[in-house]
C-alpha atoms as a PDB file:
ATOM      1  CA  MET A   1     -24.317 -12.152  18.482  1.00  0.00           C
ATOM      2  CA  LEU A   2     -22.145 -12.891  15.456  1.00  0.00           C
ATOM      3  CA  LYS A   3     -21.799 -10.280  12.756  1.00  0.00           C
ATOM      4  CA  SER A   4     -19.589 -11.051   9.780  1.00  0.00           C
ATOM      5  CA  GLY A   5     -17.815 -13.698  11.843  1.00  0.00           C
ATOM      6  CA  ILE A   6     -17.188 -11.358  14.785  1.00  0.00           C
ATOM      7  CA  ASP A   7     -18.411 -12.356  18.244  1.00  0.00           C
ATOM      8  CA  GLN A   8     -19.721  -8.970  19.288  1.00  0.00           C
ATOM      9  CA  ASP A   9     -21.244 -10.316  22.505  1.00  0.00           C
ATOM     10  CA  ARG A  10     -17.829 -11.469  23.673  1.00  0.00           C
ATOM     11  CA  ILE A  11     -16.292  -8.075  22.948  1.00  0.00           C
ATOM     12  CA  ILE A  12     -19.166  -6.293  24.682  1.00  0.00           C
ATOM     13  CA  GLU A  13     -18.762  -8.506  27.757  1.00  0.00           C
ATOM     14  CA  MET A  14     -14.992  -7.889  27.839  1.00  0.00           C
ATOM     15  CA  PHE A  15     -15.518  -4.134  27.961  1.00  0.00           C
ATOM     16  CA  ALA A  16     -18.521  -4.246  30.258  1.00  0.00           C
ATOM     17  CA  THR A  17     -16.609  -6.204  32.890  1.00  0.00           C
ATOM     18  CA  ALA A  18     -13.108  -4.730  32.469  1.00  0.00           C
ATOM     19  CA  SER A  19     -11.579  -3.317  35.604  1.00  0.00           C
ATOM     20  CA  ALA A  20      -9.319  -0.285  35.658  1.00  0.00           C
ATOM     21  CA  GLY A  21      -6.295  -2.541  36.004  1.00  0.00           C
ATOM     22  CA  GLY A  22      -7.287  -5.028  33.335  1.00  0.00           C
ATOM     23  CA  THR A  23      -7.306  -2.832  30.272  1.00  0.00           C
ATOM     24  CA  ASP A  24      -4.299  -4.531  28.692  1.00  0.00           C
ATOM     25  CA  GLN A  25      -6.359  -7.708  28.392  1.00  0.00           C
ATOM     26  CA  LEU A  26      -8.820  -5.671  26.346  1.00  0.00           C
ATOM     27  CA  ARG A  27      -6.070  -4.702  23.935  1.00  0.00           C
ATOM     28  CA  LYS A  28      -5.089  -8.331  23.440  1.00  0.00           C
ATOM     29  CA  GLY A  29      -8.706  -9.458  23.114  1.00  0.00           C
ATOM     30  CA  VAL A  30      -9.519  -6.784  20.528  1.00  0.00           C
ATOM     31  CA  GLN A  31      -6.329  -7.508  18.603  1.00  0.00           C
ATOM     32  CA  GLN A  32      -7.161 -11.224  18.417  1.00  0.00           C
ATOM     33  CA  ALA A  33     -10.814 -10.669  17.521  1.00  0.00           C
ATOM     34  CA  THR A  34      -9.965  -8.114  14.822  1.00  0.00           C
ATOM     35  CA  LEU A  35      -7.212 -10.246  13.343  1.00  0.00           C
ATOM     36  CA  ALA A  36      -9.422 -13.340  13.261  1.00  0.00           C
ATOM     37  CA  ALA A  37     -12.144 -11.366  11.483  1.00  0.00           C
ATOM     38  CA  LEU A  38      -9.683  -9.986   8.929  1.00  0.00           C
ATOM     39  CA  GLN A  39      -8.303 -13.455   8.278  1.00  0.00           C
ATOM     40  CA  GLY A  40     -11.793 -14.716   7.510  1.00  0.00           C
ATOM     41  CA  ARG A  41     -12.386 -12.522   4.457  1.00  0.00           C
ATOM     42  CA  GLU A  42     -10.688 -10.876   1.498  1.00  0.00           C
ATOM     43  CA  LEU A  43      -8.519  -8.000   2.664  1.00  0.00           C
ATOM     44  CA  THR A  44     -10.240  -5.281   0.693  1.00  0.00           C
ATOM     45  CA  LEU A  45     -10.440  -1.784   2.128  1.00  0.00           C
ATOM     46  CA  LYS A  46     -14.225  -2.138   2.304  1.00  0.00           C
ATOM     47  CA  ASN A  47     -13.997  -5.338   4.357  1.00  0.00           C
ATOM     48  CA  ILE A  48     -11.358  -3.866   6.648  1.00  0.00           C
ATOM     49  CA  ARG A  49     -13.569  -0.852   7.370  1.00  0.00           C
ATOM     50  CA  ALA A  50     -16.535  -3.109   8.098  1.00  0.00           C
ATOM     51  CA  VAL A  51     -14.530  -5.188  10.579  1.00  0.00           C
ATOM     52  CA  LEU A  52     -13.172  -2.110  12.358  1.00  0.00           C
ATOM     53  CA  LYS A  53     -16.623  -0.527  12.576  1.00  0.00           C
ATOM     54  CA  THR A  54     -18.149  -3.714  14.024  1.00  0.00           C
ATOM     55  CA  VAL A  55     -15.404  -4.133  16.624  1.00  0.00           C
ATOM     56  CA  ALA A  56     -15.544  -0.453  17.581  1.00  0.00           C
ATOM     57  CA  ASP A  57     -19.348  -0.599  17.918  1.00  0.00           C
ATOM     58  CA  ALA A  58     -19.076  -3.574  20.278  1.00  0.00           C
ATOM     59  CA  ALA A  59     -16.351  -1.846  22.308  1.00  0.00           C
ATOM     60  CA  SER A  60     -18.505   1.280  22.610  1.00  0.00           C
ATOM     61  CA  THR A  61     -21.513  -0.714  23.771  1.00  0.00           C
ATOM     62  CA  GLY A  62     -19.523  -2.661  26.346  1.00  0.00           C
ATOM     63  CA  ALA A  63     -17.693   0.385  27.678  1.00  0.00           C
ATOM     64  CA  ALA A  64     -20.967   2.240  28.137  1.00  0.00           C
ATOM     65  CA  GLN A  65     -22.336  -0.719  30.141  1.00  0.00           C
ATOM     66  CA  ASN A  66     -19.337  -0.874  32.491  1.00  0.00           C
ATOM     67  CA  LYS A  67     -20.469   0.137  35.989  1.00  0.00           C
ATOM     68  CA  LEU A  68     -17.347  -0.812  37.907  1.00  0.00           C
ATOM     69  CA  PRO A  69     -15.813   1.937  40.071  1.00  0.00           C
ATOM     70  CA  ASN A  70     -12.818   3.922  38.856  1.00  0.00           C
ATOM     71  CA  VAL A  71     -13.209   2.794  35.262  1.00  0.00           C
ATOM     72  CA  ASP A  72     -12.255   5.361  32.625  1.00  0.00           C
ATOM     73  CA  VAL A  73     -14.334   4.773  29.471  1.00  0.00           C
ATOM     74  CA  GLU A  74     -11.855   6.725  27.367  1.00  0.00           C
ATOM     75  CA  ALA A  75      -9.035   4.470  28.581  1.00  0.00           C
ATOM     76  CA  LEU A  76     -11.084   1.392  27.667  1.00  0.00           C
ATOM     77  CA  LEU A  77     -11.705   2.662  24.164  1.00  0.00           C
ATOM     78  CA  ASP A  78      -8.058   3.667  23.809  1.00  0.00           C
ATOM     79  CA  LYS A  79      -7.107   0.016  24.367  1.00  0.00           C
ATOM     80  CA  ALA A  80      -9.643  -0.965  21.730  1.00  0.00           C
ATOM     81  CA  VAL A  81      -7.994   1.387  19.243  1.00  0.00           C
ATOM     82  CA  THR A  82      -4.546   0.016  20.084  1.00  0.00           C
ATOM     83  CA  GLY A  83      -5.753  -3.560  19.628  1.00  0.00           C
ATOM     84  CA  MET A  84      -7.287  -2.791  16.241  1.00  0.00           C
ATOM     85  CA  ASP A  85      -4.130  -0.922  15.222  1.00  0.00           C
ATOM     86  CA  GLU A  86      -1.980  -3.941  16.099  1.00  0.00           C
ATOM     87  CA  ALA A  87      -4.225  -6.223  14.039  1.00  0.00           C
ATOM     88  CA  LEU A  88      -3.995  -3.836  11.098  1.00  0.00           C
ATOM     89  CA  LEU A  89      -0.196  -3.859  11.328  1.00  0.00           C
ATOM     90  CA  LYS A  90      -0.326  -7.571  10.563  1.00  0.00           C
ATOM     91  CA  ALA A  91      -2.700  -6.904   7.661  1.00  0.00           C
ATOM     92  CA  VAL A  92      -0.271  -4.340   6.262  1.00  0.00           C
ATOM     93  CA  GLU A  93       2.598  -6.816   6.555  1.00  0.00           C
ATOM     94  CA  ALA A  94       0.489  -9.412   4.729  1.00  0.00           C
ATOM     95  CA  ASN A  95      -0.026  -6.895   1.922  1.00  0.00           C
ATOM     96  CA  ARG A  96       3.708  -6.185   1.766  1.00  0.00           C
ATOM     97  CA  VAL A  97       4.635  -9.865   1.547  1.00  0.00           C
ATOM     98  CA  ALA A  98       2.008 -10.552  -1.130  1.00  0.00           C
ATOM     99  CA  LEU A  99       3.079  -7.569  -3.238  1.00  0.00           C
ATOM    100  CA  GLN A 100       6.750  -8.533  -2.970  1.00  0.00           C
ATOM    101  CA  GLN A 101       5.979 -12.085  -4.058  1.00  0.00           C
ATOM    102  CA  LEU A 102       4.109 -10.799  -7.104  1.00  0.00           C
ATOM    103  CA  VAL A 103       6.933  -8.412  -7.977  1.00  0.00           C
ATOM    104  CA  ASN A 104       9.486 -11.203  -7.607  1.00  0.00           C
ATOM    105  CA  GLN A 105       7.426 -13.264 -10.046  1.00  0.00           C
ATOM    106  CA  GLY A 106       7.517 -10.458 -12.580  1.00  0.00           C
ATOM    107  CA  ALA A 107       4.140  -8.805 -11.960  1.00  0.00           C
ATOM    108  CA  ASP A 108       3.793  -5.240 -13.191  1.00  0.00           C
ATOM    109  CA  LEU A 109       2.742  -2.882 -10.386  1.00  0.00           C
ATOM    110  CA  ARG A 110       1.067  -0.722 -13.011  1.00  0.00           C
ATOM    111  CA  GLU A 111      -1.561  -3.437 -13.514  1.00  0.00           C
ATOM    112  CA  LYS A 112      -5.016  -2.298 -12.454  1.00  0.00           C
ATOM    113  CA  HIS A 113      -5.546  -4.602  -9.458  1.00  0.00           C
ATOM    114  CA  LEU A 114      -2.054  -3.948  -8.081  1.00  0.00           C
ATOM    115  CA  LYS A 115      -2.445  -0.189  -8.457  1.00  0.00           C
ATOM    116  CA  LYS A 116      -5.680  -0.511  -6.463  1.00  0.00           C
ATOM    117  CA  ALA A 117      -3.868  -2.517  -3.764  1.00  0.00           C
ATOM    118  CA  LEU A 118      -1.335   0.283  -3.388  1.00  0.00           C
ATOM    119  CA  ALA A 119      -4.086   2.912  -3.321  1.00  0.00           C
ATOM    120  CA  ASP A 120      -5.912   0.933  -0.617  1.00  0.00           C
ATOM    121  CA  LEU A 121      -2.741   0.803   1.467  1.00  0.00           C
ATOM    122  CA  GLU A 122      -2.365   4.562   1.216  1.00  0.00           C
ATOM    123  CA  ALA A 123      -6.007   4.985   2.253  1.00  0.00           C
ATOM    124  CA  MET A 124      -5.912   2.496   5.143  1.00  0.00           C
ATOM    125  CA  GLU A 125      -5.437   5.047   7.915  1.00  0.00           C
ATOM    126  CA  ASP A 126      -8.265   7.221   6.607  1.00  0.00           C
ATOM    127  CA  GLY A 127     -10.441   4.102   6.512  1.00  0.00           C
ATOM    128  CA  PHE A 128      -9.492   3.234  10.082  1.00  0.00           C
ATOM    129  CA  ILE A 129     -10.277   6.690  11.443  1.00  0.00           C
ATOM    130  CA  GLY A 130     -13.445   6.874   9.343  1.00  0.00           C
ATOM    131  CA  ALA A 131     -14.696   3.588  10.819  1.00  0.00           C
ATOM    132  CA  LEU A 132     -14.045   4.877  14.340  1.00  0.00           C
ATOM    133  CA  LYS A 133     -15.889   8.123  13.568  1.00  0.00           C
ATOM    134  CA  LYS A 134     -18.932   6.134  12.466  1.00  0.00           C
ATOM    135  CA  ALA A 135     -18.754   4.074  15.643  1.00  0.00           C
ATOM    136  CA  ALA A 136     -18.504   7.260  17.708  1.00  0.00           C
ATOM    137  CA  ASP A 137     -21.522   8.761  15.940  1.00  0.00           C
ATOM    138  CA  ALA A 138     -23.527   5.601  16.615  1.00  0.00           C
ATOM    139  CA  ALA A 139     -22.467   5.336  20.272  1.00  0.00           C
ATOM    140  CA  GLY A 140     -24.458   6.667  23.181  1.00  0.00           C
ATOM    141  CA  ALA A 141     -23.644   9.965  24.874  1.00  0.00           C
ATOM    142  CA  GLN A 142     -21.082   8.565  27.331  1.00  0.00           C
ATOM    143  CA  ALA A 143     -19.105   6.533  24.780  1.00  0.00           C
ATOM    144  CA  GLY A 144     -19.475   9.245  22.147  1.00  0.00           C
ATOM    145  CA  GLN A 145     -17.858  11.803  24.450  1.00  0.00           C
ATOM    146  CA  ALA A 146     -15.049   9.356  25.248  1.00  0.00           C
ATOM    147  CA  TRP A 147     -14.347   8.817  21.535  1.00  0.00           C
ATOM    148  CA  ALA A 148     -13.880  12.538  20.812  1.00  0.00           C
ATOM    149  CA  PRO A 149     -10.372  13.023  22.329  1.00  0.00           C
ATOM    150  CA  LEU A 150      -9.206   9.691  20.906  1.00  0.00           C
ATOM    151  CA  LEU A 151     -10.231  10.715  17.405  1.00  0.00           C
ATOM    152  CA  GLU A 152      -8.507  14.073  17.823  1.00  0.00           C
ATOM    153  CA  LYS A 153      -5.309  12.291  18.876  1.00  0.00           C
ATOM    154  CA  LEU A 154      -5.492   9.917  15.918  1.00  0.00           C
ATOM    155  CA  GLN A 155      -6.081  12.718  13.441  1.00  0.00           C
ATOM    156  CA  ALA A 156      -3.141  14.651  14.863  1.00  0.00           C
ATOM    157  CA  GLY A 157      -0.650  11.821  15.304  1.00  0.00           C
ATOM    158  CA  GLY A 158      -1.891   9.050  13.081  1.00  0.00           C
ATOM    159  CA  THR A 159      -1.711   5.312  13.713  1.00  0.00           C
ATOM    160  CA  LEU A 160       1.118   2.775  13.633  1.00  0.00           C
ATOM    161  CA  SER A 161      -0.654   0.753  10.965  1.00  0.00           C
ATOM    162  CA  GLY A 162      -1.318   3.864   8.899  1.00  0.00           C
ATOM    163  CA  ALA A 163       2.342   4.877   9.008  1.00  0.00           C
ATOM    164  CA  LYS A 164       3.427   1.359   8.076  1.00  0.00           C
ATOM    165  CA  ALA A 165       0.886   1.195   5.262  1.00  0.00           C
ATOM    166  CA  ALA A 166       2.040   4.540   3.846  1.00  0.00           C
ATOM    167  CA  THR A 167       5.700   3.464   4.012  1.00  0.00           C
ATOM    168  CA  THR A 168       4.903   0.162   2.323  1.00  0.00           C
ATOM    169  CA  ALA A 169       2.951   1.853  -0.448  1.00  0.00           C
ATOM    170  CA  GLU A 170       5.752   4.374  -0.926  1.00  0.00           C
ATOM    171  CA  GLN A 171       8.289   1.541  -1.169  1.00  0.00           C
ATOM    172  CA  PHE A 172       6.400  -0.226  -3.944  1.00  0.00           C
ATOM    173  CA  ILE A 173       5.523   2.985  -5.761  1.00  0.00           C
ATOM    174  CA  GLY A 174       9.266   3.696  -5.724  1.00  0.00           C
ATOM    175  CA  GLN A 175       9.878   0.265  -7.212  1.00  0.00           C
ATOM    176  CA  MET A 176       7.266   0.973  -9.855  1.00  0.00           C
ATOM    177  CA  GLN A 177       8.902   4.290 -10.753  1.00  0.00           C
ATOM    178  CA  GLY A 178      12.272   2.554 -10.794  1.00  0.00           C
ATOM    179  CA  ALA A 179      10.875  -0.007 -13.204  1.00  0.00           C
ATOM    180  CA  LEU A 180       9.596   2.807 -15.399  1.00  0.00           C
ATOM    181  CA  ARG A 181      13.033   4.423 -15.348  1.00  0.00           C
ATOM    182  CA  ASP A 182      14.627   1.082 -16.197  1.00  0.00           C
ATOM    183  CA  SER A 183      12.156   0.663 -19.022  1.00  0.00           C
ATOM    184  CA  ARG A 184      12.925   4.126 -20.346  1.00  0.00           C
ATOM    185  CA  ALA A 185      16.661   3.484 -19.951  1.00  0.00           C
ATOM    186  CA  ALA A 186      16.287   0.227 -21.868  1.00  0.00           C
ATOM    187  CA  GLY A 187      14.424   2.111 -24.594  1.00  0.00           C
ATOM    188  CA  LEU A 188      17.111   4.778 -24.761  1.00  0.00           C
ATOM    189  CA  LYS A 189      19.820   2.119 -24.881  1.00  0.00           C
ATOM    190  CA  ALA A 190      18.037   0.348 -27.726  1.00  0.00           C
ATOM    191  CA  ALA A 191      17.678   3.649 -29.566  1.00  0.00           C
ATOM    192  CA  GLN A 192      21.359   4.398 -29.000  1.00  0.00           C
ATOM    193  CA  THR A 193      22.330   0.952 -30.279  1.00  0.00           C
ATOM    194  CA  LEU A 194      20.159   1.490 -33.311  1.00  0.00           C
ATOM    195  CA  ALA A 195      21.705   4.914 -33.846  1.00  0.00           C
ATOM    196  CA  GLU A 196      25.173   3.471 -33.539  1.00  0.00           C
ATOM    197  CA  SER A 197      24.259   0.716 -35.991  1.00  0.00           C
ATOM    198  CA  TYR A 198      22.786   3.258 -38.344  1.00  0.00           C
ATOM    199  CA  ALA A 199      25.943   5.354 -38.125  1.00  0.00           C
ATOM    200  CA  ALA A 200      27.975   2.230 -38.871  1.00  0.00           C
ATOM    201  CA  LEU A 201      25.695   1.479 -41.794  1.00  0.00           C
ATOM    202  CA  VAL A 202      26.095   4.971 -43.167  1.00  0.00           C
ATOM    203  CA  SER A 203      29.840   4.711 -42.615  1.00  0.00           C
ATOM    204  CA  GLY A 204      29.866   1.435 -44.575  1.00  0.00           C
ATOM    205  CA  VAL A 205      27.895   2.979 -47.390  1.00  0.00           C
ATOM    206  CA  LEU A 206      30.221   5.958 -47.424  1.00  0.00           C
ATOM    207  CA  ILE A 207      33.267   3.672 -47.530  1.00  0.00           C
ATOM    208  CA  GLY A 208      31.666   1.770 -50.387  1.00  0.00           C
ATOM    209  CA  MET A 209      30.953   5.002 -52.210  1.00  0.00           C
ATOM    210  CA  SER A 210      34.516   6.192 -51.648  1.00  0.00           C
ATOM    211  CA  ASP A 211      35.920   2.935 -52.990  1.00  0.00           C
ATOM    212  CA  ALA A 212      33.724   3.192 -56.049  1.00  0.00           C
ATOM    213  CA  LEU A 213      34.775   6.780 -56.639  1.00  0.00           C
ATOM    214  CA  THR A 214      38.432   5.862 -56.172  1.00  0.00           C
ATOM    215  CA  GLN A 215      38.160   2.955 -58.543  1.00  0.00           C
ATOM    216  CA  GLY A 216      36.294   5.112 -61.008  1.00  0.00           C
ATOM    217  CA  GLY A 217      38.954   7.741 -60.736  1.00  0.00           C
ATOM    218  CA  ARG A 218      41.695   5.237 -61.327  1.00  0.00           C
ATOM    219  CA  ALA A 219      39.899   3.890 -64.364  1.00  0.00           C
ATOM    220  CA  ALA A 220      39.367   7.364 -65.745  1.00  0.00           C
ATOM    221  CA  ALA A 221      42.983   8.391 -65.357  1.00  0.00           C
ATOM    222  CA  PRO A 222      44.433   6.056 -68.031  1.00  0.00           C
ATOM    223  CA  LYS A 223      41.710   7.165 -70.443  1.00  0.00           C
ATOM    224  CA  ALA A 224      42.706  10.743 -69.898  1.00  0.00           C
ATOM    225  CA  ALA A 225      46.343   9.861 -70.471  1.00  0.00           C
ATOM    226  CA  ALA A 226      45.475   8.023 -73.683  1.00  0.00           C
ATOM    227  CA  LYS A 227      43.667  11.051 -75.053  1.00  0.00           C
ATOM    228  CA  LYS A 228      46.776  13.180 -74.497  1.00  0.00           C
ATOM    229  CA  LYS A 229      48.743  10.835 -76.714  1.00  0.00           C
END
């Protein structure tokens, strides 16, 4: 079954047939499937959540169907989380590169769509955990119980992609604030230049007035001397 370009049946089969020693293959499979799905659509927060929810649903279904001995469902789902996290790290890096390119070309990070991109980055971890919570709620009893400790761990310690996303957003918000400071500094410098020019103008006027007064005084002095005669 394909949903939004994601081969859920393949993911389900991977988890349903995974042995206790083959969980690392699950991580790689989930990472590749998640990344391929993300690459096939616009990287909006809404689309990212939808991909994560679909992958997590398939992992839950497959893990619940696994009847092999010595298989830990929680461990299977933990590899699913790690795989999705690794895929999201690449999505965060793609955001960073795109934002840097726009900044290098002179884009203003205060523009509406760029402000939203930064807000989405900051909200990425919450979106990730929220998608997993929905998958856990929709899972059967066995998978639902296995999700509980994983969600607690994520809420306590966070995710690698979430930390990277927050750092990236902070970096660009810092650049935006720096640009604002530069803008204010440029405004202050212009005001100072204008003030200095104004002071020079006033000084020129004052010099002109002084010259006129001096010349007037010199002209008046002979008249005064003539009257004394």
